[in-house]
Amino acid sequence: MVRCKDDSLYTGVTTDLTRRTKEHNSINKGAKYTRNKQPVTLVFHIEKQDRSDACKYEYEIKQLTKKQKEALILQFNNQALVN
């Protein structure tokens, strides 16, 4: 999940976080949604075993409210600080 400059959140699936984040910050390869909302910053990620699992989890995240997504991001960042 990336946070756009307008504070909106964009969720997607990728096999390469670094590459995809750079692409979202480019005019040519970023998602249509993020093109006019640059720069974007990676705020949440999780690894899944395969693309099918990743897409199912992406769908679950997209069903959350923004408040719930923010709580997920906060929990993720707190766990990163502990580890």
PDB file of N, CA and C in Angstrom:
ATOM      1  N   MET A   1       0.860  -1.154   0.000  1.00  0.00           N
ATOM      2  CA  MET A   1       0.000   0.000   0.000  1.00  0.00           C
ATOM      3  C   MET A   1       0.911   1.222   0.000  1.00  0.00           C
ATOM      4  N   VAL A   2       0.562   2.189  -0.836  1.00  0.00           N
ATOM      5  CA  VAL A   2       1.338   3.423  -0.862  1.00  0.00           C
ATOM      6  C   VAL A   2       0.442   4.590  -0.460  1.00  0.00           C
ATOM      7  N   ARG A   3       1.082   5.586   0.139  1.00  0.00           N
ATOM      8  CA  ARG A   3       0.379   6.822   0.482  1.00  0.00           C
ATOM      9  C   ARG A   3       0.755   7.853  -0.575  1.00  0.00           C
ATOM     10  N   CYS A   4      -0.260   8.460  -1.167  1.00  0.00           N
ATOM     11  CA  CYS A   4      -0.055   9.477  -2.184  1.00  0.00           C
ATOM     12  C   CYS A   4       0.106  10.845  -1.531  1.00  0.00           C
ATOM     13  N   LYS A   5       0.580  11.819  -2.319  1.00  0.00           N
ATOM     14  CA  LYS A   5       0.825  13.151  -1.756  1.00  0.00           C
ATOM     15  C   LYS A   5      -0.449  13.810  -1.239  1.00  0.00           C
ATOM     16  N   ASP A   6      -1.623  13.383  -1.727  1.00  0.00           N
ATOM     17  CA  ASP A   6      -2.886  13.947  -1.233  1.00  0.00           C
ATOM     18  C   ASP A   6      -3.418  13.159  -0.032  1.00  0.00           C
ATOM     19  N   ASP A   7      -2.592  12.262   0.529  1.00  0.00           N
ATOM     20  CA  ASP A   7      -2.889  11.440   1.699  1.00  0.00           C
ATOM     21  C   ASP A   7      -3.848  10.282   1.400  1.00  0.00           C
ATOM     22  N   SER A   8      -4.184  10.071   0.139  1.00  0.00           N
ATOM     23  CA  SER A   8      -4.994   8.906  -0.199  1.00  0.00           C
ATOM     24  C   SER A   8      -4.097   7.675  -0.207  1.00  0.00           C
ATOM     25  N   LEU A   9      -4.719   6.499  -0.164  1.00  0.00           N
ATOM     26  CA  LEU A   9      -3.983   5.239  -0.132  1.00  0.00           C
ATOM     27  C   LEU A   9      -4.304   4.440  -1.383  1.00  0.00           C
ATOM     28  N   TYR A  10      -3.290   3.809  -1.938  1.00  0.00           N
ATOM     29  CA  TYR A  10      -3.447   2.968  -3.124  1.00  0.00           C
ATOM     30  C   TYR A  10      -2.912   1.582  -2.798  1.00  0.00           C
ATOM     31  N   THR A  11      -3.681   0.560  -3.120  1.00  0.00           N
ATOM     32  CA  THR A  11      -3.299  -0.823  -2.831  1.00  0.00           C
ATOM     33  C   THR A  11      -3.147  -1.597  -4.132  1.00  0.00           C
ATOM     34  N   GLY A  12      -2.102  -2.392  -4.215  1.00  0.00           N
ATOM     35  CA  GLY A  12      -1.881  -3.205  -5.397  1.00  0.00           C
ATOM     36  C   GLY A  12      -1.043  -4.425  -5.072  1.00  0.00           C
ATOM     37  N   VAL A  13      -0.761  -5.210  -6.099  1.00  0.00           N
ATOM     38  CA  VAL A  13       0.027  -6.435  -5.971  1.00  0.00           C
ATOM     39  C   VAL A  13       1.245  -6.320  -6.872  1.00  0.00           C
ATOM     40  N   THR A  14       2.407  -6.748  -6.373  1.00  0.00           N
ATOM     41  CA  THR A  14       3.625  -6.736  -7.176  1.00  0.00           C
ATOM     42  C   THR A  14       4.562  -7.849  -6.729  1.00  0.00           C
ATOM     43  N   THR A  15       5.513  -8.169  -7.577  1.00  0.00           N
ATOM     44  CA  THR A  15       6.551  -9.128  -7.213  1.00  0.00           C
ATOM     45  C   THR A  15       7.841  -8.420  -6.832  1.00  0.00           C
ATOM     46  N   ASP A  16       7.881  -7.089  -7.012  1.00  0.00           N
ATOM     47  CA  ASP A  16       9.084  -6.310  -6.725  1.00  0.00           C
ATOM     48  C   ASP A  16       8.686  -4.943  -6.173  1.00  0.00           C
ATOM     49  N   LEU A  17       8.711  -4.816  -4.842  1.00  0.00           N
ATOM     50  CA  LEU A  17       8.268  -3.577  -4.187  1.00  0.00           C
ATOM     51  C   LEU A  17       9.063  -2.350  -4.605  1.00  0.00           C
ATOM     52  N   THR A  18      10.364  -2.465  -4.647  1.00  0.00           N
ATOM     53  CA  THR A  18      11.206  -1.319  -4.987  1.00  0.00           C
ATOM     54  C   THR A  18      10.909  -0.829  -6.398  1.00  0.00           C
ATOM     55  N   ARG A  19      10.874  -1.761  -7.340  1.00  0.00           N
ATOM     56  CA  ARG A  19      10.600  -1.398  -8.732  1.00  0.00           C
ATOM     57  C   ARG A  19       9.228  -0.758  -8.867  1.00  0.00           C
ATOM     58  N   ARG A  20       8.213  -1.371  -8.250  1.00  0.00           N
ATOM     59  CA  ARG A  20       6.843  -0.873  -8.422  1.00  0.00           C
ATOM     60  C   ARG A  20       6.655   0.489  -7.766  1.00  0.00           C
ATOM     61  N   THR A  21       7.283   0.713  -6.629  1.00  0.00           N
ATOM     62  CA  THR A  21       7.190   2.027  -5.989  1.00  0.00           C
ATOM     63  C   THR A  21       7.808   3.090  -6.900  1.00  0.00           C
ATOM     64  N   LYS A  22       8.958   2.784  -7.489  1.00  0.00           N
ATOM     65  CA  LYS A  22       9.581   3.717  -8.440  1.00  0.00           C
ATOM     66  C   LYS A  22       8.658   3.964  -9.628  1.00  0.00           C
ATOM     67  N   GLU A  23       8.020   2.910 -10.118  1.00  0.00           N
ATOM     68  CA  GLU A  23       7.106   3.067 -11.248  1.00  0.00           C
ATOM     69  C   GLU A  23       5.922   3.959 -10.890  1.00  0.00           C
ATOM     70  N   HIS A  24       5.405   3.812  -9.672  1.00  0.00           N
ATOM     71  CA  HIS A  24       4.289   4.668  -9.244  1.00  0.00           C
ATOM     72  C   HIS A  24       4.718   6.128  -9.163  1.00  0.00           C
ATOM     73  N   ASN A  25       5.991   6.374  -9.012  1.00  0.00           N
ATOM     74  CA  ASN A  25       6.497   7.740  -8.965  1.00  0.00           C
ATOM     75  C   ASN A  25       6.968   8.234 -10.330  1.00  0.00           C
ATOM     76  N   SER A  26       6.702   7.457 -11.375  1.00  0.00           N
ATOM     77  CA  SER A  26       7.034   7.893 -12.728  1.00  0.00           C
ATOM     78  C   SER A  26       5.738   8.203 -13.475  1.00  0.00           C
ATOM     79  N   ILE A  27       5.844   8.994 -14.483  1.00  0.00           N
ATOM     80  CA  ILE A  27       4.667   9.364 -15.275  1.00  0.00           C
ATOM     81  C   ILE A  27       4.212   8.204 -16.168  1.00  0.00           C
ATOM     82  N   ASN A  28       5.150   7.454 -16.698  1.00  0.00           N
ATOM     83  CA  ASN A  28       4.828   6.458 -17.720  1.00  0.00           C
ATOM     84  C   ASN A  28       4.339   5.116 -17.194  1.00  0.00           C
ATOM     85  N   LYS A  29       4.861   4.651 -16.080  1.00  0.00           N
ATOM     86  CA  LYS A  29       4.573   3.278 -15.645  1.00  0.00           C
ATOM     87  C   LYS A  29       3.709   3.168 -14.400  1.00  0.00           C
ATOM     88  N   GLY A  30       3.440   4.263 -13.747  1.00  0.00           N
ATOM     89  CA  GLY A  30       2.633   4.213 -12.540  1.00  0.00           C
ATOM     90  C   GLY A  30       1.179   3.921 -12.859  1.00  0.00           C
ATOM     91  N   ALA A  31       0.441   3.504 -11.851  1.00  0.00           N
ATOM     92  CA  ALA A  31      -0.989   3.280 -12.021  1.00  0.00           C
ATOM     93  C   ALA A  31      -1.651   4.611 -12.376  1.00  0.00           C
ATOM     94  N   LYS A  32      -2.697   4.552 -13.144  1.00  0.00           N
ATOM     95  CA  LYS A  32      -3.411   5.775 -13.532  1.00  0.00           C
ATOM     96  C   LYS A  32      -3.787   6.602 -12.292  1.00  0.00           C
ATOM     97  N   TYR A  33      -4.191   5.907 -11.233  1.00  0.00           N
ATOM     98  CA  TYR A  33      -4.604   6.587  -9.996  1.00  0.00           C
ATOM     99  C   TYR A  33      -3.469   7.404  -9.388  1.00  0.00           C
ATOM    100  N   THR A  34      -2.249   6.882  -9.436  1.00  0.00           N
ATOM    101  CA  THR A  34      -1.141   7.549  -8.736  1.00  0.00           C
ATOM    102  C   THR A  34      -0.413   8.583  -9.588  1.00  0.00           C
ATOM    103  N   ARG A  35      -0.668   8.645 -10.872  1.00  0.00           N
ATOM    104  CA  ARG A  35       0.087   9.539 -11.761  1.00  0.00           C
ATOM    105  C   ARG A  35       0.024  11.002 -11.356  1.00  0.00           C
ATOM    106  N   ASN A  36      -1.131  11.464 -10.924  1.00  0.00           N
ATOM    107  CA  ASN A  36      -1.281  12.863 -10.535  1.00  0.00           C
ATOM    108  C   ASN A  36      -1.212  13.062  -9.028  1.00  0.00           C
ATOM    109  N   LYS A  37      -0.767  12.042  -8.309  1.00  0.00           N
ATOM    110  CA  LYS A  37      -0.723  12.098  -6.841  1.00  0.00           C
ATOM    111  C   LYS A  37       0.672  11.791  -6.326  1.00  0.00           C
ATOM    112  N   GLN A  38       1.667  12.092  -7.131  1.00  0.00           N
ATOM    113  CA  GLN A  38       3.057  11.803  -6.766  1.00  0.00           C
ATOM    114  C   GLN A  38       3.630  12.927  -5.924  1.00  0.00           C
ATOM    115  N   PRO A  39       4.573  12.611  -5.073  1.00  0.00           N
ATOM    116  CA  PRO A  39       5.206  11.308  -4.893  1.00  0.00           C
ATOM    117  C   PRO A  39       4.368  10.396  -4.005  1.00  0.00           C
ATOM    118  N   VAL A  40       4.601   9.102  -4.176  1.00  0.00           N
ATOM    119  CA  VAL A  40       3.971   8.106  -3.309  1.00  0.00           C
ATOM    120  C   VAL A  40       5.046   7.488  -2.437  1.00  0.00           C
ATOM    121  N   THR A  41       4.631   7.028  -1.263  1.00  0.00           N
ATOM    122  CA  THR A  41       5.546   6.416  -0.306  1.00  0.00           C
ATOM    123  C   THR A  41       4.980   5.074   0.134  1.00  0.00           C
ATOM    124  N   LEU A  42       5.800   4.058   0.129  1.00  0.00           N
ATOM    125  CA  LEU A  42       5.372   2.738   0.585  1.00  0.00           C
ATOM    126  C   LEU A  42       5.109   2.799   2.085  1.00  0.00           C
ATOM    127  N   VAL A  43       3.893   2.417   2.503  1.00  0.00           N
ATOM    128  CA  VAL A  43       3.544   2.478   3.929  1.00  0.00           C
ATOM    129  C   VAL A  43       3.161   1.126   4.512  1.00  0.00           C
ATOM    130  N   PHE A  44       2.889   0.141   3.650  1.00  0.00           N
ATOM    131  CA  PHE A  44       2.490  -1.177   4.144  1.00  0.00           C
ATOM    132  C   PHE A  44       2.776  -2.213   3.070  1.00  0.00           C
ATOM    133  N   HIS A  45       3.300  -3.352   3.491  1.00  0.00           N
ATOM    134  CA  HIS A  45       3.443  -4.467   2.562  1.00  0.00           C
ATOM    135  C   HIS A  45       3.449  -5.772   3.347  1.00  0.00           C
ATOM    136  N   ILE A  46       3.060  -6.805   2.659  1.00  0.00           N
ATOM    137  CA  ILE A  46       3.063  -8.131   3.253  1.00  0.00           C
ATOM    138  C   ILE A  46       3.331  -9.124   2.125  1.00  0.00           C
ATOM    139  N   GLU A  47       4.111 -10.148   2.436  1.00  0.00           N
ATOM    140  CA  GLU A  47       4.408 -11.183   1.446  1.00  0.00           C
ATOM    141  C   GLU A  47       3.394 -12.294   1.543  1.00  0.00           C
ATOM    142  N   LYS A  48       2.948 -12.749   0.389  1.00  0.00           N
ATOM    143  CA  LYS A  48       2.047 -13.901   0.308  1.00  0.00           C
ATOM    144  C   LYS A  48       2.728 -14.976  -0.520  1.00  0.00           C
ATOM    145  N   GLN A  49       2.277 -16.222  -0.369  1.00  0.00           N
ATOM    146  CA  GLN A  49       2.927 -17.349  -1.035  1.00  0.00           C
ATOM    147  C   GLN A  49       2.825 -17.289  -2.551  1.00  0.00           C
ATOM    148  N   ASP A  50       1.676 -16.861  -3.053  1.00  0.00           N
ATOM    149  CA  ASP A  50       1.506 -16.814  -4.504  1.00  0.00           C
ATOM    150  C   ASP A  50       0.596 -15.658  -4.894  1.00  0.00           C
ATOM    151  N   ARG A  51       0.490 -15.422  -6.181  1.00  0.00           N
ATOM    152  CA  ARG A  51      -0.281 -14.285  -6.682  1.00  0.00           C
ATOM    153  C   ARG A  51      -1.757 -14.393  -6.300  1.00  0.00           C
ATOM    154  N   SER A  52      -2.292 -15.598  -6.315  1.00  0.00           N
ATOM    155  CA  SER A  52      -3.691 -15.795  -5.955  1.00  0.00           C
ATOM    156  C   SER A  52      -3.965 -15.324  -4.526  1.00  0.00           C
ATOM    157  N   ASP A  53      -3.121 -15.747  -3.581  1.00  0.00           N
ATOM    158  CA  ASP A  53      -3.259 -15.309  -2.186  1.00  0.00           C
ATOM    159  C   ASP A  53      -3.097 -13.790  -2.075  1.00  0.00           C
ATOM    160  N   ALA A  54      -2.147 -13.243  -2.830  1.00  0.00           N
ATOM    161  CA  ALA A  54      -1.907 -11.801  -2.794  1.00  0.00           C
ATOM    162  C   ALA A  54      -3.128 -11.035  -3.296  1.00  0.00           C
ATOM    163  N   CYS A  55      -3.732 -11.505  -4.356  1.00  0.00           N
ATOM    164  CA  CYS A  55      -4.912 -10.829  -4.912  1.00  0.00           C
ATOM    165  C   CYS A  55      -6.107 -10.914  -3.962  1.00  0.00           C
ATOM    166  N   LYS A  56      -6.249 -12.046  -3.296  1.00  0.00           N
ATOM    167  CA  LYS A  56      -7.331 -12.195  -2.311  1.00  0.00           C
ATOM    168  C   LYS A  56      -7.128 -11.212  -1.156  1.00  0.00           C
ATOM    169  N   TYR A  57      -5.882 -11.070  -0.689  1.00  0.00           N
ATOM    170  CA  TYR A  57      -5.595 -10.151   0.408  1.00  0.00           C
ATOM    171  C   TYR A  57      -5.775  -8.702  -0.042  1.00  0.00           C
ATOM    172  N   GLU A  58      -5.373  -8.413  -1.265  1.00  0.00           N
ATOM    173  CA  GLU A  58      -5.575  -7.067  -1.820  1.00  0.00           C
ATOM    174  C   GLU A  58      -7.066  -6.723  -1.810  1.00  0.00           C
ATOM    175  N   TYR A  59      -7.890  -7.657  -2.223  1.00  0.00           N
ATOM    176  CA  TYR A  59      -9.337  -7.438  -2.232  1.00  0.00           C
ATOM    177  C   TYR A  59      -9.851  -7.147  -0.819  1.00  0.00           C
ATOM    178  N   GLU A  60      -9.366  -7.916   0.155  1.00  0.00           N
ATOM    179  CA  GLU A  60      -9.780  -7.701   1.546  1.00  0.00           C
ATOM    180  C   GLU A  60      -9.406  -6.294   2.008  1.00  0.00           C
ATOM    181  N   ILE A  61      -8.198  -5.862   1.681  1.00  0.00           N
ATOM    182  CA  ILE A  61      -7.754  -4.529   2.078  1.00  0.00           C
ATOM    183  C   ILE A  61      -8.617  -3.459   1.417  1.00  0.00           C
ATOM    184  N   LYS A  62      -8.935  -3.654   0.160  1.00  0.00           N
ATOM    185  CA  LYS A  62      -9.739  -2.659  -0.561  1.00  0.00           C
ATOM    186  C   LYS A  62     -11.146  -2.535   0.002  1.00  0.00           C
ATOM    187  N   GLN A  63     -11.608  -3.536   0.754  1.00  0.00           N
ATOM    188  CA  GLN A  63     -12.929  -3.473   1.372  1.00  0.00           C
ATOM    189  C   GLN A  63     -12.923  -2.682   2.685  1.00  0.00           C
ATOM    190  N   LEU A  64     -11.730  -2.410   3.212  1.00  0.00           N
ATOM    191  CA  LEU A  64     -11.616  -1.689   4.478  1.00  0.00           C
ATOM    192  C   LEU A  64     -11.888  -0.201   4.281  1.00  0.00           C
ATOM    193  N   THR A  65     -12.329   0.440   5.347  1.00  0.00           N
ATOM    194  CA  THR A  65     -12.462   1.894   5.323  1.00  0.00           C
ATOM    195  C   THR A  65     -11.066   2.503   5.442  1.00  0.00           C
ATOM    196  N   LYS A  66     -10.961   3.790   5.165  1.00  0.00           N
ATOM    197  CA  LYS A  66      -9.655   4.437   5.287  1.00  0.00           C
ATOM    198  C   LYS A  66      -9.172   4.368   6.741  1.00  0.00           C
ATOM    199  N   LYS A  67     -10.077   4.526   7.676  1.00  0.00           N
ATOM    200  CA  LYS A  67      -9.711   4.453   9.097  1.00  0.00           C
ATOM    201  C   LYS A  67      -9.133   3.077   9.434  1.00  0.00           C
ATOM    202  N   GLN A  68      -9.730   2.029   8.914  1.00  0.00           N
ATOM    203  CA  GLN A  68      -9.234   0.666   9.153  1.00  0.00           C
ATOM    204  C   GLN A  68      -7.875   0.452   8.478  1.00  0.00           C
ATOM    205  N   LYS A  69      -7.703   1.010   7.291  1.00  0.00           N
ATOM    206  CA  LYS A  69      -6.408   0.911   6.604  1.00  0.00           C
ATOM    207  C   LYS A  69      -5.325   1.633   7.394  1.00  0.00           C
ATOM    208  N   GLU A  70      -5.665   2.804   7.935  1.00  0.00           N
ATOM    209  CA  GLU A  70      -4.694   3.558   8.740  1.00  0.00           C
ATOM    210  C   GLU A  70      -4.297   2.769   9.980  1.00  0.00           C
ATOM    211  N   ALA A  71      -5.248   2.073  10.593  1.00  0.00           N
ATOM    212  CA  ALA A  71      -4.948   1.232  11.761  1.00  0.00           C
ATOM    213  C   ALA A  71      -4.020   0.085  11.365  1.00  0.00           C
ATOM    214  N   LEU A  72      -4.244  -0.501  10.199  1.00  0.00           N
ATOM    215  CA  LEU A  72      -3.387  -1.574   9.693  1.00  0.00           C
ATOM    216  C   LEU A  72      -1.964  -1.060   9.470  1.00  0.00           C
ATOM    217  N   ILE A  73      -1.847   0.119   8.898  1.00  0.00           N
ATOM    218  CA  ILE A  73      -0.534   0.732   8.657  1.00  0.00           C
ATOM    219  C   ILE A  73       0.170   1.006   9.980  1.00  0.00           C
ATOM    220  N   LEU A  74      -0.553   1.542  10.947  1.00  0.00           N
ATOM    221  CA  LEU A  74       0.022   1.836  12.263  1.00  0.00           C
ATOM    222  C   LEU A  74       0.506   0.552  12.936  1.00  0.00           C
ATOM    223  N   GLN A  75      -0.291  -0.491  12.875  1.00  0.00           N
ATOM    224  CA  GLN A  75       0.094  -1.782  13.459  1.00  0.00           C
ATOM    225  C   GLN A  75       1.349  -2.319  12.763  1.00  0.00           C
ATOM    226  N   PHE A  76       1.394  -2.220  11.443  1.00  0.00           N
ATOM    227  CA  PHE A  76       2.546  -2.679  10.662  1.00  0.00           C
ATOM    228  C   PHE A  76       3.802  -1.917  11.072  1.00  0.00           C
ATOM    229  N   ASN A  77       3.694  -0.603  11.190  1.00  0.00           N
ATOM    230  CA  ASN A  77       4.853   0.207  11.553  1.00  0.00           C
ATOM    231  C   ASN A  77       5.303  -0.048  12.983  1.00  0.00           C
ATOM    232  N   ASN A  78       4.379  -0.283  13.875  1.00  0.00           N
ATOM    233  CA  ASN A  78       4.748  -0.605  15.258  1.00  0.00           C
ATOM    234  C   ASN A  78       5.473  -1.939  15.334  1.00  0.00           C
ATOM    235  N   GLN A  79       5.050  -2.916  14.553  1.00  0.00           N
ATOM    236  CA  GLN A  79       5.717  -4.223  14.526  1.00  0.00           C
ATOM    237  C   GLN A  79       7.102  -4.085  13.934  1.00  0.00           C
ATOM    238  N   ALA A  80       7.262  -3.232  12.945  1.00  0.00           N
ATOM    239  CA  ALA A  80       8.574  -3.025  12.313  1.00  0.00           C
ATOM    240  C   ALA A  80       9.547  -2.413  13.315  1.00  0.00           C
ATOM    241  N   LEU A  81       9.054  -1.548  14.198  1.00  0.00           N
ATOM    242  CA  LEU A  81       9.912  -0.931  15.201  1.00  0.00           C
ATOM    243  C   LEU A  81      10.373  -1.945  16.238  1.00  0.00           C
ATOM    244  N   VAL A  82       9.517  -2.919  16.558  1.00  0.00           N
ATOM    245  CA  VAL A  82       9.836  -3.940  17.555  1.00  0.00           C
ATOM    246  C   VAL A  82      10.869  -4.925  16.982  1.00  0.00           C
ATOM    247  N   ASN A  83      10.722  -5.269  15.709  1.00  0.00           N
ATOM    248  CA  ASN A  83      11.620  -6.256  15.095  1.00  0.00           C
ATOM    249  C   ASN A  83      12.870  -5.621  14.682  1.00  0.00           C
TER     250      ASN A  83
END
